Amino acid sequence: MEKPKRKFAWVDELAKKTGEVAMEEARKHNTYIVYTDDEGQRVRAYPDGRIEVIKEGE
């Protein structure tokens, strides 16, 4: 059984593309991006692949 399509599924694609562009910019400027991961933690993702969890209040 196929999962029904969401009305605003295009938002998922836009969010994915935005994240990809942000990481490319981070590589270009040798910096990091910040986002919330699947577990709800805020993290910094560096261009070298390193991911750092941001502690509360940091």
C-alpha atoms as a PDB file:
ATOM      1  CA  MET A   1       0.000   0.000   0.000  1.00  0.00           C
ATOM      2  CA  GLU A   2       1.365   3.386  -1.013  1.00  0.00           C
ATOM      3  CA  LYS A   3       1.607   6.260   1.428  1.00  0.00           C
ATOM      4  CA  PRO A   4      -0.733   9.080   0.337  1.00  0.00           C
ATOM      5  CA  LYS A   5       0.956  12.252  -0.869  1.00  0.00           C
ATOM      6  CA  ARG A   6       0.864  15.236   1.439  1.00  0.00           C
ATOM      7  CA  LYS A   7      -0.753  18.423   0.252  1.00  0.00           C
ATOM      8  CA  PHE A   8       2.416  20.436   0.826  1.00  0.00           C
ATOM      9  CA  ALA A   9       5.039  17.768   0.050  1.00  0.00           C
ATOM     10  CA  TRP A  10       6.968  20.358  -1.973  1.00  0.00           C
ATOM     11  CA  VAL A  11       7.970  21.980   1.338  1.00  0.00           C
ATOM     12  CA  ASP A  12      10.037  18.874   2.179  1.00  0.00           C
ATOM     13  CA  GLU A  13      11.972  19.229  -1.072  1.00  0.00           C
ATOM     14  CA  LEU A  14      12.506  22.941  -0.498  1.00  0.00           C
ATOM     15  CA  ALA A  15      13.789  22.340   3.043  1.00  0.00           C
ATOM     16  CA  LYS A  16      16.165  19.637   1.817  1.00  0.00           C
ATOM     17  CA  LYS A  17      17.527  21.890  -0.926  1.00  0.00           C
ATOM     18  CA  THR A  18      17.938  24.778   1.520  1.00  0.00           C
ATOM     19  CA  GLY A  19      20.014  22.557   3.831  1.00  0.00           C
ATOM     20  CA  GLU A  20      22.212  21.450   0.941  1.00  0.00           C
ATOM     21  CA  VAL A  21      22.845  25.051  -0.104  1.00  0.00           C
ATOM     22  CA  ALA A  22      23.633  26.023   3.499  1.00  0.00           C
ATOM     23  CA  MET A  23      26.252  23.269   3.779  1.00  0.00           C
ATOM     24  CA  GLU A  24      27.837  24.336   0.476  1.00  0.00           C
ATOM     25  CA  GLU A  25      28.065  27.907   1.781  1.00  0.00           C
ATOM     26  CA  ALA A  26      29.591  26.618   5.036  1.00  0.00           C
ATOM     27  CA  ARG A  27      32.254  24.747   3.034  1.00  0.00           C
ATOM     28  CA  LYS A  28      32.959  27.831   0.964  1.00  0.00           C
ATOM     29  CA  HIS A  29      33.380  30.066   4.035  1.00  0.00           C
ATOM     30  CA  ASN A  30      34.941  27.395   6.290  1.00  0.00           C
ATOM     31  CA  THR A  31      32.231  27.655   8.951  1.00  0.00           C
ATOM     32  CA  TYR A  32      29.366  25.491  10.262  1.00  0.00           C
ATOM     33  CA  ILE A  33      25.573  25.268  10.054  1.00  0.00           C
ATOM     34  CA  VAL A  34      23.198  24.849  12.987  1.00  0.00           C
ATOM     35  CA  TYR A  35      20.043  22.755  12.836  1.00  0.00           C
ATOM     36  CA  THR A  36      17.785  20.518  14.916  1.00  0.00           C
ATOM     37  CA  ASP A  37      18.422  16.819  14.309  1.00  0.00           C
ATOM     38  CA  ASP A  38      15.881  13.982  14.258  1.00  0.00           C
ATOM     39  CA  GLU A  39      16.225  13.547  18.035  1.00  0.00           C
ATOM     40  CA  GLY A  40      15.354  17.204  18.710  1.00  0.00           C
ATOM     41  CA  GLN A  41      18.888  18.248  19.655  1.00  0.00           C
ATOM     42  CA  ARG A  42      20.445  21.408  18.251  1.00  0.00           C
ATOM     43  CA  VAL A  43      23.708  20.577  16.527  1.00  0.00           C
ATOM     44  CA  ARG A  44      26.541  22.236  14.628  1.00  0.00           C
ATOM     45  CA  ALA A  45      27.562  20.443  11.445  1.00  0.00           C
ATOM     46  CA  TYR A  46      31.025  21.247  10.115  1.00  0.00           C
ATOM     47  CA  PRO A  47      32.132  20.815   6.490  1.00  0.00           C
ATOM     48  CA  ASP A  48      34.619  18.101   7.530  1.00  0.00           C
ATOM     49  CA  GLY A  49      31.703  15.909   8.675  1.00  0.00           C
ATOM     50  CA  ARG A  50      32.081  16.585  12.389  1.00  0.00           C
ATOM     51  CA  ILE A  51      28.788  17.068  14.269  1.00  0.00           C
ATOM     52  CA  GLU A  52      28.721  18.753  17.673  1.00  0.00           C
ATOM     53  CA  VAL A  53      25.693  18.806  20.002  1.00  0.00           C
ATOM     54  CA  ILE A  54      25.005  22.292  21.366  1.00  0.00           C
ATOM     55  CA  LYS A  55      24.422  22.273  25.104  1.00  0.00           C
ATOM     56  CA  GLU A  56      21.571  24.371  26.459  1.00  0.00           C
ATOM     57  CA  GLY A  57      22.647  27.922  27.210  1.00  0.00           C
ATOM     58  CA  GLU A  58      25.638  27.730  24.892  1.00  0.00           C
END
